[in-house]
Amino acid sequence: MNDNNNCSSTVKLNQSITNQAGSCIYNPLNWTNKIFDCQGNTIDGDKNRTYYNNKIPIVIEVFTRDGCPICYHVDEGAKKLADEYNEKNKNSVILLKYHLQDTLATQAGLDRRIFYHGDKWWNVCNYYELCAI
């Protein structure tokens, strides 16, 4: 992740990370404006994220508003999806993918995701997918 020669803009997760000790994602050197692409893989954490309190900017997929495949979905549909996921995985961190022009910050909470204007679900075109840690 800190290799700017081979991973200058995108870091791809090639396999799921499960049952591993220690921190798999922390705040590595050179981690600035990079895309972290789970490629459908998952990361199984030990639910101790509160002890580390690490927050790093993660954007997993970037696209323009015009090309966003879920722009046709309504705000409530995206909210329902995330709410159902959170109900089943209350101790998981959910990383939301944003358009780079809007924000690089990943904001996560135990019971809800915080978007641009508090707890309102606006600009769904900038929301694409959930990646659980």
C-alpha atoms as a PDB file:
ATOM      1  CA  MET A   1       0.000   0.000   0.000  1.00  0.00           C
ATOM      2  CA  ASN A   2       2.896   2.358   0.499  1.00  0.00           C
ATOM      3  CA  ASP A   3       4.517   1.572  -2.870  1.00  0.00           C
ATOM      4  CA  ASN A   4       4.049   4.676  -5.010  1.00  0.00           C
ATOM      5  CA  ASN A   5       5.850   3.110  -7.977  1.00  0.00           C
ATOM      6  CA  ASN A   6       3.485   0.150  -8.429  1.00  0.00           C
ATOM      7  CA  CYS A   7       0.455   1.426  -6.512  1.00  0.00           C
ATOM      8  CA  SER A   8       0.450   5.155  -7.133  1.00  0.00           C
ATOM      9  CA  SER A   9      -3.309   5.542  -7.484  1.00  0.00           C
ATOM     10  CA  THR A  10      -5.038   2.194  -6.826  1.00  0.00           C
ATOM     11  CA  VAL A  11      -4.477  -0.601  -4.313  1.00  0.00           C
ATOM     12  CA  LYS A  12      -6.399  -3.816  -5.055  1.00  0.00           C
ATOM     13  CA  LEU A  13      -7.334  -6.502  -2.562  1.00  0.00           C
ATOM     14  CA  ASN A  14      -6.686  -9.774  -4.422  1.00  0.00           C
ATOM     15  CA  GLN A  15      -8.106 -12.112  -1.775  1.00  0.00           C
ATOM     16  CA  SER A  16     -10.206 -11.879   1.350  1.00  0.00           C
ATOM     17  CA  ILE A  17      -8.435 -11.268   4.663  1.00  0.00           C
ATOM     18  CA  THR A  18      -9.890 -13.469   7.414  1.00  0.00           C
ATOM     19  CA  ASN A  19      -8.675 -14.740  10.777  1.00  0.00           C
ATOM     20  CA  GLN A  20      -5.526 -12.606  10.732  1.00  0.00           C
ATOM     21  CA  ALA A  21      -3.904 -11.102  13.816  1.00  0.00           C
ATOM     22  CA  GLY A  22      -2.959  -7.441  13.962  1.00  0.00           C
ATOM     23  CA  SER A  23      -4.012  -4.524  11.803  1.00  0.00           C
ATOM     24  CA  CYS A  24      -4.479  -5.213   8.128  1.00  0.00           C
ATOM     25  CA  ILE A  25      -5.346  -1.621   7.230  1.00  0.00           C
ATOM     26  CA  TYR A  26      -3.712   1.143   9.190  1.00  0.00           C
ATOM     27  CA  ASN A  27      -2.332   4.522   8.120  1.00  0.00           C
ATOM     28  CA  PRO A  28       0.658   3.549   5.986  1.00  0.00           C
ATOM     29  CA  LEU A  29       3.300   5.856   4.595  1.00  0.00           C
ATOM     30  CA  ASN A  30       2.345   7.400   1.213  1.00  0.00           C
ATOM     31  CA  TRP A  31      -1.379   6.687   1.727  1.00  0.00           C
ATOM     32  CA  THR A  32      -2.759   9.813   0.089  1.00  0.00           C
ATOM     33  CA  ASN A  33      -5.513  10.048  -2.528  1.00  0.00           C
ATOM     34  CA  LYS A  34      -5.408   6.345  -3.330  1.00  0.00           C
ATOM     35  CA  ILE A  35      -8.264   4.086  -4.312  1.00  0.00           C
ATOM     36  CA  PHE A  36      -8.707   0.901  -2.262  1.00  0.00           C
ATOM     37  CA  ASP A  37     -10.572  -1.625  -4.415  1.00  0.00           C
ATOM     38  CA  CYS A  38     -11.916  -4.681  -2.545  1.00  0.00           C
ATOM     39  CA  GLN A  39     -12.748  -6.357  -5.884  1.00  0.00           C
ATOM     40  CA  GLY A  40     -15.550  -8.240  -4.143  1.00  0.00           C
ATOM     41  CA  ASN A  41     -13.277  -9.557  -1.378  1.00  0.00           C
ATOM     42  CA  THR A  42     -13.979  -9.015   2.302  1.00  0.00           C
ATOM     43  CA  ILE A  43     -11.932  -8.160   5.372  1.00  0.00           C
ATOM     44  CA  ASP A  44     -12.924  -9.907   8.592  1.00  0.00           C
ATOM     45  CA  GLY A  45     -11.970  -7.716  11.546  1.00  0.00           C
ATOM     46  CA  ASP A  46     -11.857  -8.631  15.218  1.00  0.00           C
ATOM     47  CA  LYS A  47     -14.268  -5.824  16.147  1.00  0.00           C
ATOM     48  CA  ASN A  48     -11.560  -3.950  18.117  1.00  0.00           C
ATOM     49  CA  ARG A  49     -11.415  -0.910  15.853  1.00  0.00           C
ATOM     50  CA  THR A  50     -12.344   1.383  18.749  1.00  0.00           C
ATOM     51  CA  TYR A  51      -9.002   0.656  20.389  1.00  0.00           C
ATOM     52  CA  TYR A  52      -7.070   1.822  17.358  1.00  0.00           C
ATOM     53  CA  ASN A  53      -9.321   4.715  16.309  1.00  0.00           C
ATOM     54  CA  ASN A  54      -7.622   4.830  12.918  1.00  0.00           C
ATOM     55  CA  LYS A  55      -9.362   6.752  10.199  1.00  0.00           C
ATOM     56  CA  ILE A  56      -7.844   6.784   6.742  1.00  0.00           C
ATOM     57  CA  PRO A  57      -9.429   8.038   3.538  1.00  0.00           C
ATOM     58  CA  ILE A  58     -10.587   5.118   1.430  1.00  0.00           C
ATOM     59  CA  VAL A  59     -12.347   5.437  -1.888  1.00  0.00           C
ATOM     60  CA  ILE A  60     -12.978   2.088  -3.472  1.00  0.00           C
ATOM     61  CA  GLU A  61     -14.382   2.990  -6.849  1.00  0.00           C
ATOM     62  CA  VAL A  62     -14.475   6.290  -8.653  1.00  0.00           C
ATOM     63  CA  PHE A  63     -16.762   7.293 -11.493  1.00  0.00           C
ATOM     64  CA  THR A  64     -18.536  10.389 -12.716  1.00  0.00           C
ATOM     65  CA  ARG A  65     -22.115  11.164 -11.841  1.00  0.00           C
ATOM     66  CA  ASP A  66     -23.176  10.630 -15.444  1.00  0.00           C
ATOM     67  CA  GLY A  67     -21.697   7.134 -15.474  1.00  0.00           C
ATOM     68  CA  CYS A  68     -22.957   6.045 -12.063  1.00  0.00           C
ATOM     69  CA  PRO A  69     -24.841   2.755 -12.487  1.00  0.00           C
ATOM     70  CA  ILE A  70     -27.104   3.305  -9.475  1.00  0.00           C
ATOM     71  CA  CYS A  71     -28.168   6.870 -10.252  1.00  0.00           C
ATOM     72  CA  TYR A  72     -31.494   5.357 -11.222  1.00  0.00           C
ATOM     73  CA  HIS A  73     -32.122   4.085  -7.695  1.00  0.00           C
ATOM     74  CA  VAL A  74     -33.945   6.287  -5.225  1.00  0.00           C
ATOM     75  CA  ASP A  75     -32.428   7.588  -2.017  1.00  0.00           C
ATOM     76  CA  GLU A  76     -34.646   5.420   0.173  1.00  0.00           C
ATOM     77  CA  GLY A  77     -33.526   2.266  -1.639  1.00  0.00           C
ATOM     78  CA  ALA A  78     -29.877   2.932  -0.806  1.00  0.00           C
ATOM     79  CA  LYS A  79     -30.737   3.839   2.773  1.00  0.00           C
ATOM     80  CA  LYS A  80     -32.760   0.634   3.224  1.00  0.00           C
ATOM     81  CA  LEU A  81     -29.869  -1.462   1.909  1.00  0.00           C
ATOM     82  CA  ALA A  82     -27.401   0.066   4.359  1.00  0.00           C
ATOM     83  CA  ASP A  83     -29.872  -0.075   7.270  1.00  0.00           C
ATOM     84  CA  GLU A  84     -30.510  -3.788   6.682  1.00  0.00           C
ATOM     85  CA  TYR A  85     -26.775  -4.447   6.501  1.00  0.00           C
ATOM     86  CA  ASN A  86     -26.144  -2.502   9.702  1.00  0.00           C
ATOM     87  CA  GLU A  87     -28.903  -4.375  11.520  1.00  0.00           C
ATOM     88  CA  LYS A  88     -27.142  -7.675  10.831  1.00  0.00           C
ATOM     89  CA  ASN A  89     -23.594  -6.385  11.368  1.00  0.00           C
ATOM     90  CA  LYS A  90     -23.779  -3.829  14.162  1.00  0.00           C
ATOM     91  CA  ASN A  91     -20.116  -4.262  15.047  1.00  0.00           C
ATOM     92  CA  SER A  92     -18.810  -3.911  11.510  1.00  0.00           C
ATOM     93  CA  VAL A  93     -17.288  -0.850   9.946  1.00  0.00           C
ATOM     94  CA  ILE A  94     -18.899  -0.064   6.616  1.00  0.00           C
ATOM     95  CA  LEU A  95     -16.831   1.803   4.084  1.00  0.00           C
ATOM     96  CA  LEU A  96     -18.852   3.792   1.597  1.00  0.00           C
ATOM     97  CA  LYS A  97     -17.535   4.681  -1.797  1.00  0.00           C
ATOM     98  CA  TYR A  98     -17.745   8.313  -2.789  1.00  0.00           C
ATOM     99  CA  HIS A  99     -16.963  10.395  -5.833  1.00  0.00           C
ATOM    100  CA  LEU A 100     -13.525  11.949  -5.308  1.00  0.00           C
ATOM    101  CA  GLN A 101     -14.788  15.455  -6.037  1.00  0.00           C
ATOM    102  CA  ASP A 102     -17.197  15.243  -3.118  1.00  0.00           C
ATOM    103  CA  THR A 103     -15.014  13.806  -0.377  1.00  0.00           C
ATOM    104  CA  LEU A 104     -12.161  11.444   0.349  1.00  0.00           C
ATOM    105  CA  ALA A 105     -13.236  10.914   3.928  1.00  0.00           C
ATOM    106  CA  THR A 106     -14.948   7.717   4.942  1.00  0.00           C
ATOM    107  CA  GLN A 107     -17.395   8.368   7.726  1.00  0.00           C
ATOM    108  CA  ALA A 108     -18.784   5.390   9.605  1.00  0.00           C
ATOM    109  CA  GLY A 109     -20.813   4.880  12.743  1.00  0.00           C
ATOM    110  CA  LEU A 110     -22.168   1.821  14.501  1.00  0.00           C
ATOM    111  CA  ASP A 111     -25.812   2.440  13.671  1.00  0.00           C
ATOM    112  CA  ARG A 112     -25.832   4.702  10.625  1.00  0.00           C
ATOM    113  CA  ARG A 113     -23.700   6.130   7.902  1.00  0.00           C
ATOM    114  CA  ILE A 114     -23.219   9.877   7.834  1.00  0.00           C
ATOM    115  CA  PHE A 115     -23.426  11.555   4.476  1.00  0.00           C
ATOM    116  CA  TYR A 116     -22.845  15.077   3.284  1.00  0.00           C
ATOM    117  CA  HIS A 117     -25.439  16.874   5.395  1.00  0.00           C
ATOM    118  CA  GLY A 118     -25.683  14.997   8.676  1.00  0.00           C
ATOM    119  CA  ASP A 119     -27.824  11.887   8.641  1.00  0.00           C
ATOM    120  CA  LYS A 120     -29.676  12.791   5.438  1.00  0.00           C
ATOM    121  CA  TRP A 121     -29.189  10.562   2.421  1.00  0.00           C
ATOM    122  CA  TRP A 122     -28.393  12.972  -0.396  1.00  0.00           C
ATOM    123  CA  ASN A 123     -26.482  12.600  -3.647  1.00  0.00           C
ATOM    124  CA  VAL A 124     -27.025   8.880  -4.033  1.00  0.00           C
ATOM    125  CA  CYS A 125     -25.235   9.088  -7.378  1.00  0.00           C
ATOM    126  CA  ASN A 126     -22.036   9.406  -5.398  1.00  0.00           C
ATOM    127  CA  TYR A 127     -22.793   6.292  -3.342  1.00  0.00           C
ATOM    128  CA  TYR A 128     -21.949   2.994  -4.973  1.00  0.00           C
ATOM    129  CA  GLU A 129     -21.302   0.029  -2.730  1.00  0.00           C
ATOM    130  CA  LEU A 130     -20.598  -1.190   0.799  1.00  0.00           C
ATOM    131  CA  CYS A 131     -17.385  -2.899   1.836  1.00  0.00           C
ATOM    132  CA  ALA A 132     -17.404  -4.409   5.318  1.00  0.00           C
ATOM    133  CA  ILE A 133     -14.384  -4.585   7.591  1.00  0.00           C
END
